[in-house]
Structure formats: structure tokens, C-alpha cells
Amino acid sequence: MPPPLLSAILAAIVQTPDFETLEPIPAAAQGEAIPACTVDRRWCALIETDETQARQVLRLYDGLPGERAPAASHLIESENSEGFWRPGAILRRAGSDDVILGADMELQAMYSGGGGMSSYRTLVRFTPGAAPQEILTVPLSGSLMIRACFGEEDMKQRAGACHDEYEFAAELKAEGDAFPPRLTYASTATTFPGRVSRNEDSLAKPPLTPKDLVKAVDAECSVRRVFTFDPATKAYVPDAPLPDCGDYTVP
């Protein structure tokens, strides 16, 4: 029998889910959706807009698209038809066809004097013999500019900072040896100039000075959470609720 330490190492190797990136591969024809595959092309993913132009179809292939039929397909509602999805990464249980596919959605909006974008990550679990399930969606990034000057007096009051700026960045990582794995989520949110809010009129505040032209960290939306998979709900749950950070994540 192997020594206890070696047995523990072997057990960890067997239980740890594999994590693989998905790399784009050339589409068969110009204008077609671009699939993405693992390095060995054992798994491929393809995201296409359905016939309603309002939803995205996430397809998982056991092999190359065009050579094999999809192993599974899943419809994802899209609130913004101008947004696009791109394959992210894949987690799989060693020795089985049980996989989790990560996909990113980007939303963009332009308006007079400003605009913004945000992205979200959705994890979908594909299990042989069962319908695909969305198990987590979290915001990943946000960058917005809101016009705050409408004349020379406004420019003076704002010390030349004529846009309120909102920045949000988050990271999602898989950890541990379980499947589905434990996930850690960490976000940072800042505003400029100083602390501003989309629910307030910036011009109603006192005039700004050069010392006010700094980024301010929003502690409420700068968080760390641990997500674990709940078999009862078949979804990930955080160790504490996520705050509403729509100021940063809704263009």
C-alpha cells in the first residue's frame, strides 16, 4: 500500500476538477459565430443569437462544431440585443462528461455626453442525461461616464472634471477539490471625482477644488465573497448577499 501522504496526494489528483481555457478557432465562413475549444479540442463551445435576436444560444460540443452535433444547448435571456457573449473557461470532473462552462456577456450603451459598458459571467452546468442549468451569474466589470457640465459655469464649478466616472472590476476564481468547485469572488468599485452617485445631481453639490479630483473607493461594492454549490437549489450561493451595484453595472 502507498504511504498515507502519497495516498492523499493521489486522492487530491483524482478529485480536483480540471480547469481549461477555451481558445477561439477560425470560423468556417466569414460572419459565422466563432467557436472556442480546449487545446486538445475535446470540448468546444459556440454562442449564437437565436431567431428572435433577443436570446443567446450556448452550445457545448464533444468535439469540433461542424463535425459533431451539439452535446447540449442552452438558451440564455439577453436584456440587451446589442450585447455579445464570448466563451470563457471550462471546468470538468475528471473521468466524466460533467462540465461547467463559463460565458461572458458584455452590455454597451451610448447616450448624450456619456456612455458605458459592463460585463457579466454566467456559469452553466452540463450533466449527461439532464437539462443544462445556469448555476451562477455575477458582474465582472463596469465603466461608465455621466456628463456633468453643460456650460462654462458648470466647468468652473466642477474644476474641469466634466464627467462623473464609475469603475467596477471583479475576479472569479475556482478553488478546492470539490466539483462543482468553491468559488471566490472579489470586486472593487470606485467613483470620480470623489464620491458621486447616479441618484444625485452632481451640480447641486458645492463647487469642486483640485483636491477633490481623486478616485473614491465605494466600500459597499468592494467586497469579497465565497460561493459554494447548493445541491438543493442546484446553484451557487454566497456566504453573504451581494450588494446592489447597479450604479456600476447597468449602462
C-alpha atoms as a PDB file:
ATOM      1  CA  MET A   1       0.000   0.000   0.000  1.00  0.00           C
ATOM      2  CA  PRO A   2       1.262   3.541  -0.705  1.00  0.00           C
ATOM      3  CA  PRO A   3       2.182   5.672   2.323  1.00  0.00           C
ATOM      4  CA  PRO A   4      -0.583   7.935   3.737  1.00  0.00           C
ATOM      5  CA  LEU A   5       0.931  11.128   2.303  1.00  0.00           C
ATOM      6  CA  LEU A   6       1.119   9.642  -1.192  1.00  0.00           C
ATOM      7  CA  SER A   7      -2.443   8.352  -0.902  1.00  0.00           C
ATOM      8  CA  ALA A   8      -3.652  11.843  -0.003  1.00  0.00           C
ATOM      9  CA  ILE A   9      -1.839  13.342  -2.983  1.00  0.00           C
ATOM     10  CA  LEU A  10      -3.282  10.731  -5.351  1.00  0.00           C
ATOM     11  CA  ALA A  11      -6.767  11.316  -3.965  1.00  0.00           C
ATOM     12  CA  ALA A  12      -6.416  15.077  -4.499  1.00  0.00           C
ATOM     13  CA  ILE A  13      -5.311  14.498  -8.092  1.00  0.00           C
ATOM     14  CA  VAL A  14      -8.381  12.354  -8.773  1.00  0.00           C
ATOM     15  CA  GLN A  15     -10.851  14.708  -7.063  1.00  0.00           C
ATOM     16  CA  THR A  16      -9.593  18.073  -8.282  1.00  0.00           C
ATOM     17  CA  PRO A  17     -11.683  19.295 -11.228  1.00  0.00           C
ATOM     18  CA  ASP A  18      -9.703  20.187 -14.319  1.00  0.00           C
ATOM     19  CA  PHE A  19      -9.729  23.815 -15.444  1.00  0.00           C
ATOM     20  CA  GLU A  20      -9.123  24.567 -19.098  1.00  0.00           C
ATOM     21  CA  THR A  21      -9.212  27.775 -21.081  1.00  0.00           C
ATOM     22  CA  LEU A  22     -11.124  27.980 -24.325  1.00  0.00           C
ATOM     23  CA  GLU A  23      -9.324  29.434 -27.320  1.00  0.00           C
ATOM     24  CA  PRO A  24     -11.113  30.802 -30.419  1.00  0.00           C
ATOM     25  CA  ILE A  25     -10.708  28.814 -33.619  1.00  0.00           C
ATOM     26  CA  PRO A  26     -11.337  30.190 -37.139  1.00  0.00           C
ATOM     27  CA  ALA A  27     -14.942  30.121 -38.288  1.00  0.00           C
ATOM     28  CA  ALA A  28     -15.802  28.157 -41.411  1.00  0.00           C
ATOM     29  CA  ALA A  29     -17.105  31.247 -43.187  1.00  0.00           C
ATOM     30  CA  GLN A  30     -16.967  34.995 -42.659  1.00  0.00           C
ATOM     31  CA  GLY A  31     -19.813  36.240 -40.483  1.00  0.00           C
ATOM     32  CA  GLU A  32     -20.355  32.926 -38.718  1.00  0.00           C
ATOM     33  CA  ALA A  33     -20.128  32.637 -34.944  1.00  0.00           C
ATOM     34  CA  ILE A  34     -16.601  31.802 -33.801  1.00  0.00           C
ATOM     35  CA  PRO A  35     -16.333  28.622 -31.753  1.00  0.00           C
ATOM     36  CA  ALA A  36     -13.832  28.195 -28.933  1.00  0.00           C
ATOM     37  CA  CYS A  37     -12.209  24.926 -27.914  1.00  0.00           C
ATOM     38  CA  THR A  38      -9.898  23.421 -25.348  1.00  0.00           C
ATOM     39  CA  VAL A  39      -6.336  22.906 -26.547  1.00  0.00           C
ATOM     40  CA  ASP A  40      -6.972  19.241 -27.382  1.00  0.00           C
ATOM     41  CA  ARG A  41     -10.337  20.204 -28.971  1.00  0.00           C
ATOM     42  CA  ARG A  42     -12.037  17.641 -26.785  1.00  0.00           C
ATOM     43  CA  TRP A  43     -14.625  20.265 -25.806  1.00  0.00           C
ATOM     44  CA  CYS A  44     -15.863  23.194 -27.874  1.00  0.00           C
ATOM     45  CA  ALA A  45     -18.369  25.946 -27.227  1.00  0.00           C
ATOM     46  CA  LEU A  46     -20.354  28.119 -29.605  1.00  0.00           C
ATOM     47  CA  ILE A  47     -22.616  31.065 -28.804  1.00  0.00           C
ATOM     48  CA  GLU A  48     -25.146  32.236 -31.372  1.00  0.00           C
ATOM     49  CA  THR A  49     -28.112  34.626 -31.428  1.00  0.00           C
ATOM     50  CA  ASP A  50     -31.401  32.759 -31.841  1.00  0.00           C
ATOM     51  CA  GLU A  51     -34.076  33.569 -34.416  1.00  0.00           C
ATOM     52  CA  THR A  52     -35.730  36.154 -32.105  1.00  0.00           C
ATOM     53  CA  GLN A  53     -32.475  38.165 -31.953  1.00  0.00           C
ATOM     54  CA  ALA A  54     -33.168  38.588 -28.213  1.00  0.00           C
ATOM     55  CA  ARG A  55     -31.597  35.463 -26.753  1.00  0.00           C
ATOM     56  CA  GLN A  56     -28.263  33.739 -26.983  1.00  0.00           C
ATOM     57  CA  VAL A  57     -27.863  30.000 -27.527  1.00  0.00           C
ATOM     58  CA  LEU A  58     -24.931  28.443 -25.703  1.00  0.00           C
ATOM     59  CA  ARG A  59     -23.925  25.152 -27.320  1.00  0.00           C
ATOM     60  CA  LEU A  60     -21.465  22.622 -25.919  1.00  0.00           C
ATOM     61  CA  TYR A  61     -19.788  20.194 -28.309  1.00  0.00           C
ATOM     62  CA  ASP A  62     -17.976  16.956 -27.579  1.00  0.00           C
ATOM     63  CA  GLY A  63     -15.548  17.643 -30.423  1.00  0.00           C
ATOM     64  CA  LEU A  64     -15.418  20.231 -33.193  1.00  0.00           C
ATOM     65  CA  PRO A  65     -18.587  22.075 -34.313  1.00  0.00           C
ATOM     66  CA  GLY A  66     -19.452  21.041 -37.842  1.00  0.00           C
ATOM     67  CA  GLU A  67     -18.114  17.558 -37.237  1.00  0.00           C
ATOM     68  CA  ARG A  68     -20.347  16.640 -34.308  1.00  0.00           C
ATOM     69  CA  ALA A  69     -23.865  17.529 -33.207  1.00  0.00           C
ATOM     70  CA  PRO A  70     -24.072  19.651 -30.040  1.00  0.00           C
ATOM     71  CA  ALA A  71     -23.831  17.606 -26.863  1.00  0.00           C
ATOM     72  CA  ALA A  72     -26.202  20.147 -25.270  1.00  0.00           C
ATOM     73  CA  SER A  73     -27.695  23.577 -25.914  1.00  0.00           C
ATOM     74  CA  HIS A  74     -28.956  26.214 -23.502  1.00  0.00           C
ATOM     75  CA  LEU A  75     -30.927  29.430 -24.114  1.00  0.00           C
ATOM     76  CA  ILE A  76     -29.839  32.482 -22.147  1.00  0.00           C
ATOM     77  CA  GLU A  77     -32.123  35.502 -21.938  1.00  0.00           C
ATOM     78  CA  SER A  78     -30.417  38.717 -23.042  1.00  0.00           C
ATOM     79  CA  GLU A  79     -31.758  42.088 -21.913  1.00  0.00           C
ATOM     80  CA  ASN A  80     -29.637  43.884 -24.493  1.00  0.00           C
ATOM     81  CA  SER A  81     -29.641  42.508 -28.019  1.00  0.00           C
ATOM     82  CA  GLU A  82     -26.534  44.581 -28.789  1.00  0.00           C
ATOM     83  CA  GLY A  83     -24.582  42.703 -26.165  1.00  0.00           C
ATOM     84  CA  PHE A  84     -22.427  39.763 -27.155  1.00  0.00           C
ATOM     85  CA  TRP A  85     -21.316  36.606 -25.485  1.00  0.00           C
ATOM     86  CA  ARG A  86     -17.900  35.033 -25.688  1.00  0.00           C
ATOM     87  CA  PRO A  87     -16.762  31.671 -24.316  1.00  0.00           C
ATOM     88  CA  GLY A  88     -14.603  31.916 -21.222  1.00  0.00           C
ATOM     89  CA  ALA A  89     -13.349  28.775 -19.498  1.00  0.00           C
ATOM     90  CA  ILE A  90     -14.446  25.240 -18.765  1.00  0.00           C
ATOM     91  CA  LEU A  91     -14.351  23.150 -15.604  1.00  0.00           C
ATOM     92  CA  ARG A  92     -14.823  19.420 -15.828  1.00  0.00           C
ATOM     93  CA  ARG A  93     -14.968  16.496 -13.479  1.00  0.00           C
ATOM     94  CA  ALA A  94     -12.027  14.181 -14.145  1.00  0.00           C
ATOM     95  CA  GLY A  95     -13.099  10.977 -15.862  1.00  0.00           C
ATOM     96  CA  SER A  96     -16.627  12.130 -16.748  1.00  0.00           C
ATOM     97  CA  ASP A  97     -18.589  14.328 -19.160  1.00  0.00           C
ATOM     98  CA  ASP A  98     -19.924  16.558 -16.366  1.00  0.00           C
ATOM     99  CA  VAL A  99     -18.689  20.077 -17.197  1.00  0.00           C
ATOM    100  CA  ILE A 100     -19.255  23.697 -16.223  1.00  0.00           C
ATOM    101  CA  LEU A 101     -18.910  26.271 -18.966  1.00  0.00           C
ATOM    102  CA  GLY A 102     -18.289  29.935 -18.251  1.00  0.00           C
ATOM    103  CA  ALA A 103     -19.527  32.579 -20.679  1.00  0.00           C
ATOM    104  CA  ASP A 104     -19.172  36.354 -20.538  1.00  0.00           C
ATOM    105  CA  MET A 105     -21.790  38.865 -21.691  1.00  0.00           C
ATOM    106  CA  GLU A 106     -20.941  42.462 -22.470  1.00  0.00           C
ATOM    107  CA  LEU A 107     -23.526  45.245 -22.486  1.00  0.00           C
ATOM    108  CA  GLN A 108     -22.911  48.669 -24.010  1.00  0.00           C
ATOM    109  CA  ALA A 109     -24.895  51.905 -24.094  1.00  0.00           C
ATOM    110  CA  MET A 110     -24.146  55.325 -25.569  1.00  0.00           C
ATOM    111  CA  TYR A 111     -26.046  58.492 -24.724  1.00  0.00           C
ATOM    112  CA  SER A 112     -25.614  62.259 -24.994  1.00  0.00           C
ATOM    113  CA  GLY A 113     -22.414  63.267 -23.255  1.00  0.00           C
ATOM    114  CA  GLY A 114     -21.531  59.841 -21.931  1.00  0.00           C
ATOM    115  CA  GLY A 115     -21.842  56.108 -22.166  1.00  0.00           C
ATOM    116  CA  GLY A 116     -20.818  52.897 -20.535  1.00  0.00           C
ATOM    117  CA  MET A 117     -20.226  49.190 -20.684  1.00  0.00           C
ATOM    118  CA  SER A 118     -20.445  46.296 -18.278  1.00  0.00           C
ATOM    119  CA  SER A 119     -19.840  42.565 -18.355  1.00  0.00           C
ATOM    120  CA  TYR A 120     -21.264  39.593 -16.525  1.00  0.00           C
ATOM    121  CA  ARG A 121     -20.155  35.990 -16.157  1.00  0.00           C
ATOM    122  CA  THR A 122     -22.672  33.145 -16.286  1.00  0.00           C
ATOM    123  CA  LEU A 123     -21.798  29.562 -15.376  1.00  0.00           C
ATOM    124  CA  VAL A 124     -23.849  26.771 -16.942  1.00  0.00           C
ATOM    125  CA  ARG A 125     -23.571  23.166 -15.818  1.00  0.00           C
ATOM    126  CA  PHE A 126     -23.907  20.404 -18.397  1.00  0.00           C
ATOM    127  CA  THR A 127     -24.585  16.932 -16.982  1.00  0.00           C
ATOM    128  CA  PRO A 128     -25.250  13.904 -19.228  1.00  0.00           C
ATOM    129  CA  GLY A 129     -28.927  12.959 -19.123  1.00  0.00           C
ATOM    130  CA  ALA A 130     -30.039  16.239 -17.522  1.00  0.00           C
ATOM    131  CA  ALA A 131     -31.045  19.652 -18.819  1.00  0.00           C
ATOM    132  CA  PRO A 132     -28.300  22.316 -18.670  1.00  0.00           C
ATOM    133  CA  GLN A 133     -28.616  24.625 -15.672  1.00  0.00           C
ATOM    134  CA  GLU A 134     -27.476  28.186 -15.027  1.00  0.00           C
ATOM    135  CA  ILE A 135     -25.781  27.976 -11.647  1.00  0.00           C
ATOM    136  CA  LEU A 136     -24.303  31.463 -11.206  1.00  0.00           C
ATOM    137  CA  THR A 137     -24.313  34.942 -12.747  1.00  0.00           C
ATOM    138  CA  VAL A 138     -22.140  37.736 -11.327  1.00  0.00           C
ATOM    139  CA  PRO A 139     -20.992  41.153 -12.588  1.00  0.00           C
ATOM    140  CA  LEU A 140     -17.360  41.251 -13.721  1.00  0.00           C
ATOM    141  CA  SER A 141     -16.712  44.801 -14.862  1.00  0.00           C
ATOM    142  CA  GLY A 142     -18.240  48.184 -15.433  1.00  0.00           C
ATOM    143  CA  SER A 143     -17.063  51.537 -16.791  1.00  0.00           C
ATOM    144  CA  LEU A 144     -19.440  54.474 -17.121  1.00  0.00           C
ATOM    145  CA  MET A 145     -19.163  58.221 -17.772  1.00  0.00           C
ATOM    146  CA  ILE A 146     -22.072  60.560 -16.985  1.00  0.00           C
ATOM    147  CA  ARG A 147     -21.956  64.120 -18.332  1.00  0.00           C
ATOM    148  CA  ALA A 148     -21.846  66.734 -15.570  1.00  0.00           C
ATOM    149  CA  CYS A 149     -21.073  70.008 -17.414  1.00  0.00           C
ATOM    150  CA  PHE A 150     -23.482  71.918 -19.632  1.00  0.00           C
ATOM    151  CA  GLY A 151     -21.741  75.287 -19.848  1.00  0.00           C
ATOM    152  CA  GLU A 152     -18.741  77.347 -18.703  1.00  0.00           C
ATOM    153  CA  GLU A 153     -20.186  77.917 -15.203  1.00  0.00           C
ATOM    154  CA  ASP A 154     -20.564  74.168 -14.779  1.00  0.00           C
ATOM    155  CA  MET A 155     -16.960  73.670 -15.854  1.00  0.00           C
ATOM    156  CA  LYS A 156     -15.800  76.127 -13.186  1.00  0.00           C
ATOM    157  CA  GLN A 157     -17.963  74.510 -10.523  1.00  0.00           C
ATOM    158  CA  ARG A 158     -16.580  71.097 -11.446  1.00  0.00           C
ATOM    159  CA  ALA A 159     -12.947  72.274 -11.623  1.00  0.00           C
ATOM    160  CA  GLY A 160     -12.808  70.985 -15.190  1.00  0.00           C
ATOM    161  CA  ALA A 161     -13.957  67.445 -14.297  1.00  0.00           C
ATOM    162  CA  CYS A 162     -16.977  67.366 -16.583  1.00  0.00           C
ATOM    163  CA  HIS A 163     -17.922  63.714 -16.197  1.00  0.00           C
ATOM    164  CA  ASP A 164     -18.820  61.557 -13.237  1.00  0.00           C
ATOM    165  CA  GLU A 165     -16.929  58.292 -13.696  1.00  0.00           C
ATOM    166  CA  TYR A 166     -17.805  54.864 -12.303  1.00  0.00           C
ATOM    167  CA  GLU A 167     -15.408  51.901 -12.410  1.00  0.00           C
ATOM    168  CA  PHE A 168     -16.059  48.322 -11.306  1.00  0.00           C
ATOM    169  CA  ALA A 169     -13.757  45.308 -11.588  1.00  0.00           C
ATOM    170  CA  ALA A 170     -14.211  41.804 -10.190  1.00  0.00           C
ATOM    171  CA  GLU A 171     -12.459  38.458 -10.338  1.00  0.00           C
ATOM    172  CA  LEU A 172     -13.980  34.989 -10.052  1.00  0.00           C
ATOM    173  CA  LYS A 173     -11.713  32.042  -9.197  1.00  0.00           C
ATOM    174  CA  ALA A 174     -12.279  28.319  -8.725  1.00  0.00           C
ATOM    175  CA  GLU A 175     -10.693  26.757  -5.645  1.00  0.00           C
ATOM    176  CA  GLY A 176     -10.654  23.481  -3.769  1.00  0.00           C
ATOM    177  CA  ASP A 177     -11.027  19.859  -4.814  1.00  0.00           C
ATOM    178  CA  ALA A 178     -14.819  19.551  -4.982  1.00  0.00           C
ATOM    179  CA  PHE A 179     -16.983  19.541  -8.091  1.00  0.00           C
ATOM    180  CA  PRO A 180     -18.633  21.940  -8.564  1.00  0.00           C
ATOM    181  CA  PRO A 181     -15.683  23.775  -7.006  1.00  0.00           C
ATOM    182  CA  ARG A 182     -15.809  26.503  -4.413  1.00  0.00           C
ATOM    183  CA  LEU A 183     -15.578  29.943  -5.998  1.00  0.00           C
ATOM    184  CA  THR A 184     -14.082  33.141  -4.619  1.00  0.00           C
ATOM    185  CA  TYR A 185     -15.333  36.487  -5.877  1.00  0.00           C
ATOM    186  CA  ALA A 186     -13.644  39.817  -5.195  1.00  0.00           C
ATOM    187  CA  SER A 187     -14.737  43.226  -6.507  1.00  0.00           C
ATOM    188  CA  THR A 188     -13.501  46.815  -6.334  1.00  0.00           C
ATOM    189  CA  ALA A 189     -15.630  49.863  -7.162  1.00  0.00           C
ATOM    190  CA  THR A 190     -14.517  53.496  -7.447  1.00  0.00           C
ATOM    191  CA  THR A 191     -16.030  56.823  -8.425  1.00  0.00           C
ATOM    192  CA  PHE A 192     -14.535  60.100  -9.680  1.00  0.00           C
ATOM    193  CA  PRO A 193     -14.378  62.947  -8.782  1.00  0.00           C
ATOM    194  CA  GLY A 194     -14.610  61.768  -5.197  1.00  0.00           C
ATOM    195  CA  ARG A 195     -17.817  60.064  -4.048  1.00  0.00           C
ATOM    196  CA  VAL A 196     -20.599  60.548  -6.606  1.00  0.00           C
ATOM    197  CA  SER A 197     -23.890  58.765  -7.230  1.00  0.00           C
ATOM    198  CA  ARG A 198     -26.120  58.314 -10.235  1.00  0.00           C
ATOM    199  CA  ASN A 199     -29.082  59.027  -7.942  1.00  0.00           C
ATOM    200  CA  GLU A 200     -27.863  62.552  -7.116  1.00  0.00           C
ATOM    201  CA  ASP A 201     -27.452  65.798  -9.067  1.00  0.00           C
ATOM    202  CA  SER A 202     -23.713  66.471  -9.057  1.00  0.00           C
ATOM    203  CA  LEU A 203     -24.246  70.159  -9.863  1.00  0.00           C
ATOM    204  CA  ALA A 204     -26.301  70.558  -6.675  1.00  0.00           C
ATOM    205  CA  LYS A 205     -23.193  69.893  -4.600  1.00  0.00           C
ATOM    206  CA  PRO A 206     -20.655  72.558  -3.502  1.00  0.00           C
ATOM    207  CA  PRO A 207     -18.026  73.570  -6.099  1.00  0.00           C
ATOM    208  CA  LEU A 208     -15.100  71.184  -6.520  1.00  0.00           C
ATOM    209  CA  THR A 209     -11.485  72.068  -5.853  1.00  0.00           C
ATOM    210  CA  PRO A 210      -8.338  70.385  -7.229  1.00  0.00           C
ATOM    211  CA  LYS A 211      -8.044  68.273  -4.067  1.00  0.00           C
ATOM    212  CA  ASP A 212     -11.483  66.793  -4.823  1.00  0.00           C
ATOM    213  CA  LEU A 213     -10.286  65.380  -8.156  1.00  0.00           C
ATOM    214  CA  VAL A 214      -9.435  61.935  -6.802  1.00  0.00           C
ATOM    215  CA  LYS A 215     -10.935  58.469  -7.048  1.00  0.00           C
ATOM    216  CA  ALA A 216     -13.015  57.317  -4.096  1.00  0.00           C
ATOM    217  CA  VAL A 217     -13.433  53.644  -3.190  1.00  0.00           C
ATOM    218  CA  ASP A 218     -17.027  52.527  -2.705  1.00  0.00           C
ATOM    219  CA  ALA A 219     -16.736  50.186   0.289  1.00  0.00           C
ATOM    220  CA  GLU A 220     -20.253  48.804  -0.193  1.00  0.00           C
ATOM    221  CA  CYS A 221     -19.456  47.486  -3.677  1.00  0.00           C
ATOM    222  CA  SER A 222     -15.848  46.498  -2.930  1.00  0.00           C
ATOM    223  CA  VAL A 223     -16.441  43.041  -1.473  1.00  0.00           C
ATOM    224  CA  ARG A 224     -15.131  39.504  -1.166  1.00  0.00           C
ATOM    225  CA  ARG A 225     -17.495  36.552  -1.241  1.00  0.00           C
ATOM    226  CA  VAL A 226     -17.155  32.773  -1.218  1.00  0.00           C
ATOM    227  CA  PHE A 227     -19.654  30.825  -3.335  1.00  0.00           C
ATOM    228  CA  THR A 228     -20.434  27.164  -2.665  1.00  0.00           C
ATOM    229  CA  PHE A 229     -22.701  24.912  -4.683  1.00  0.00           C
ATOM    230  CA  ASP A 230     -26.040  24.095  -3.044  1.00  0.00           C
ATOM    231  CA  PRO A 231     -27.357  20.676  -4.227  1.00  0.00           C
ATOM    232  CA  ALA A 232     -30.876  21.568  -3.060  1.00  0.00           C
ATOM    233  CA  THR A 233     -31.214  24.628  -5.314  1.00  0.00           C
ATOM    234  CA  LYS A 234     -28.680  23.380  -7.881  1.00  0.00           C
ATOM    235  CA  ALA A 235     -26.990  26.757  -7.869  1.00  0.00           C
ATOM    236  CA  TYR A 236     -24.164  28.638  -6.216  1.00  0.00           C
ATOM    237  CA  VAL A 237     -24.922  30.600  -3.044  1.00  0.00           C
ATOM    238  CA  PRO A 238     -22.660  33.273  -1.466  1.00  0.00           C
ATOM    239  CA  ASP A 239     -21.584  33.343   2.168  1.00  0.00           C
ATOM    240  CA  ALA A 240     -23.250  36.792   2.347  1.00  0.00           C
ATOM    241  CA  PRO A 241     -25.633  38.581  -0.050  1.00  0.00           C
ATOM    242  CA  LEU A 242     -24.091  40.599  -2.868  1.00  0.00           C
ATOM    243  CA  PRO A 243     -24.859  44.347  -2.724  1.00  0.00           C
ATOM    244  CA  ASP A 244     -26.800  46.159  -5.420  1.00  0.00           C
ATOM    245  CA  CYS A 245     -24.094  47.810  -7.536  1.00  0.00           C
ATOM    246  CA  GLY A 246     -26.252  48.903 -10.451  1.00  0.00           C
ATOM    247  CA  ASP A 247     -24.529  52.312 -10.496  1.00  0.00           C
ATOM    248  CA  TYR A 248     -21.512  50.470 -11.921  1.00  0.00           C
ATOM    249  CA  THR A 249     -23.029  47.514 -13.761  1.00  0.00           C
ATOM    250  CA  VAL A 250     -26.076  48.913 -15.558  1.00  0.00           C
ATOM    251  CA  PRO A 251     -25.032  51.111 -18.527  1.00  0.00           C
END
